[in-house]
Amino acid sequence: MNKYTVHFTCLCPNDNETISYKTIIETTQMIMVEDINDYVFSLSKDKMYQEDVTEKIATKFKSSVTTF
C-alpha cells in the first residue's frame, strides 16, 4: 500500500475564505507526486466543500482518500 500526504487550499463556497486541507491518499498504485501536486494545485481556486474535494481526489487517483 502506498500512502501520499499533501497539504493544499481551496476556497469555501459559503464565505470565499481560503481553507487549508491535509489529504492522505492511499492506493496500491504508484502515483507520481508531481501529478498529485499539479492536481491539487489546480483545485486551489475552486469553491468546494471538504467532501467534494475528497471525492474529486479519490476519483482522479482511483484511491482511498481522507481529508482533514
Protein backbone atom coordinates (compact mmCIF):
# COMPACT_ATOMS: atom_id res chain seq x y z
CA MET A 1 0.00 0.00 0.00
CA ASN A 2 1.30 3.44 -0.95
CA LYS A 3 0.41 6.46 1.14
CA TYR A 4 0.74 10.07 -0.01
CA THR A 5 0.15 13.10 2.18
CA VAL A 6 -0.45 16.52 0.66
CA HIS A 7 -1.36 19.96 2.00
CA PHE A 8 -3.32 22.41 -0.17
CA THR A 9 -6.00 25.09 -0.14
CA CYS A 10 -9.43 25.64 -1.68
CA LEU A 11 -12.00 28.39 -1.43
CA CYS A 12 -15.01 27.97 0.85
CA PRO A 13 -18.25 28.28 -1.15
CA ASN A 14 -20.01 29.97 1.79
CA ASP A 15 -17.72 32.90 2.51
CA ASN A 16 -14.91 32.77 -0.08
CA GLU A 17 -12.32 32.17 2.66
CA THR A 18 -9.21 30.16 1.84
CA ILE A 19 -9.33 26.83 3.67
CA SER A 20 -6.21 24.72 4.26
CA TYR A 21 -6.53 20.97 3.94
CA LYS A 22 -4.39 17.95 4.63
CA THR A 23 -5.21 14.92 2.49
CA ILE A 24 -3.96 11.35 2.72
CA ILE A 25 -4.20 9.29 -0.45
CA GLU A 26 -3.91 5.51 -0.03
CA THR A 27 -3.60 3.23 -3.04
CA THR A 28 -1.93 0.09 -4.33
CA GLN A 29 -0.79 2.08 -7.38
CA MET A 30 2.29 4.25 -7.62
CA ILE A 31 1.35 7.88 -8.25
CA MET A 32 3.87 10.50 -9.27
CA VAL A 33 3.99 13.17 -6.59
CA GLU A 34 4.13 15.80 -9.35
CA ASP A 35 0.76 14.55 -10.62
CA ILE A 36 -0.77 14.86 -7.15
CA ASN A 37 0.68 18.33 -6.64
CA ASP A 38 -0.44 19.54 -10.06
CA TYR A 39 -3.98 18.26 -9.50
CA VAL A 40 -4.50 19.68 -6.01
CA PHE A 41 -2.94 22.99 -7.08
CA SER A 42 -5.48 23.15 -9.92
CA LEU A 43 -8.26 22.93 -7.30
CA SER A 44 -6.96 25.88 -5.27
CA LYS A 45 -9.16 28.48 -7.00
CA ASP A 46 -12.29 26.32 -6.96
CA LYS A 47 -15.07 26.81 -4.41
CA MET A 48 -15.70 23.40 -2.85
CA TYR A 49 -16.68 21.78 0.39
CA GLN A 50 -14.30 19.30 2.00
CA GLU A 51 -16.44 16.35 0.94
CA ASP A 52 -16.37 17.47 -2.70
CA VAL A 53 -12.60 17.90 -2.69
CA THR A 54 -12.16 14.45 -1.16
CA GLU A 55 -14.42 12.85 -3.77
CA LYS A 56 -12.64 14.58 -6.67
CA ILE A 57 -9.20 13.42 -5.49
CA ALA A 58 -10.41 9.88 -4.85
CA THR A 59 -11.95 9.70 -8.33
CA LYS A 60 -8.92 11.22 -10.06
CA PHE A 61 -6.44 8.81 -8.48
CA LYS A 62 -8.78 5.82 -8.02
CA SER A 63 -7.84 5.63 -4.37
CA SER A 64 -8.97 5.89 -0.79
CA VAL A 65 -8.76 9.50 0.42
CA THR A 66 -9.06 11.10 3.84
CA THR A 67 -9.17 14.89 4.11
CA PHE A 68 -8.70 16.93 7.28
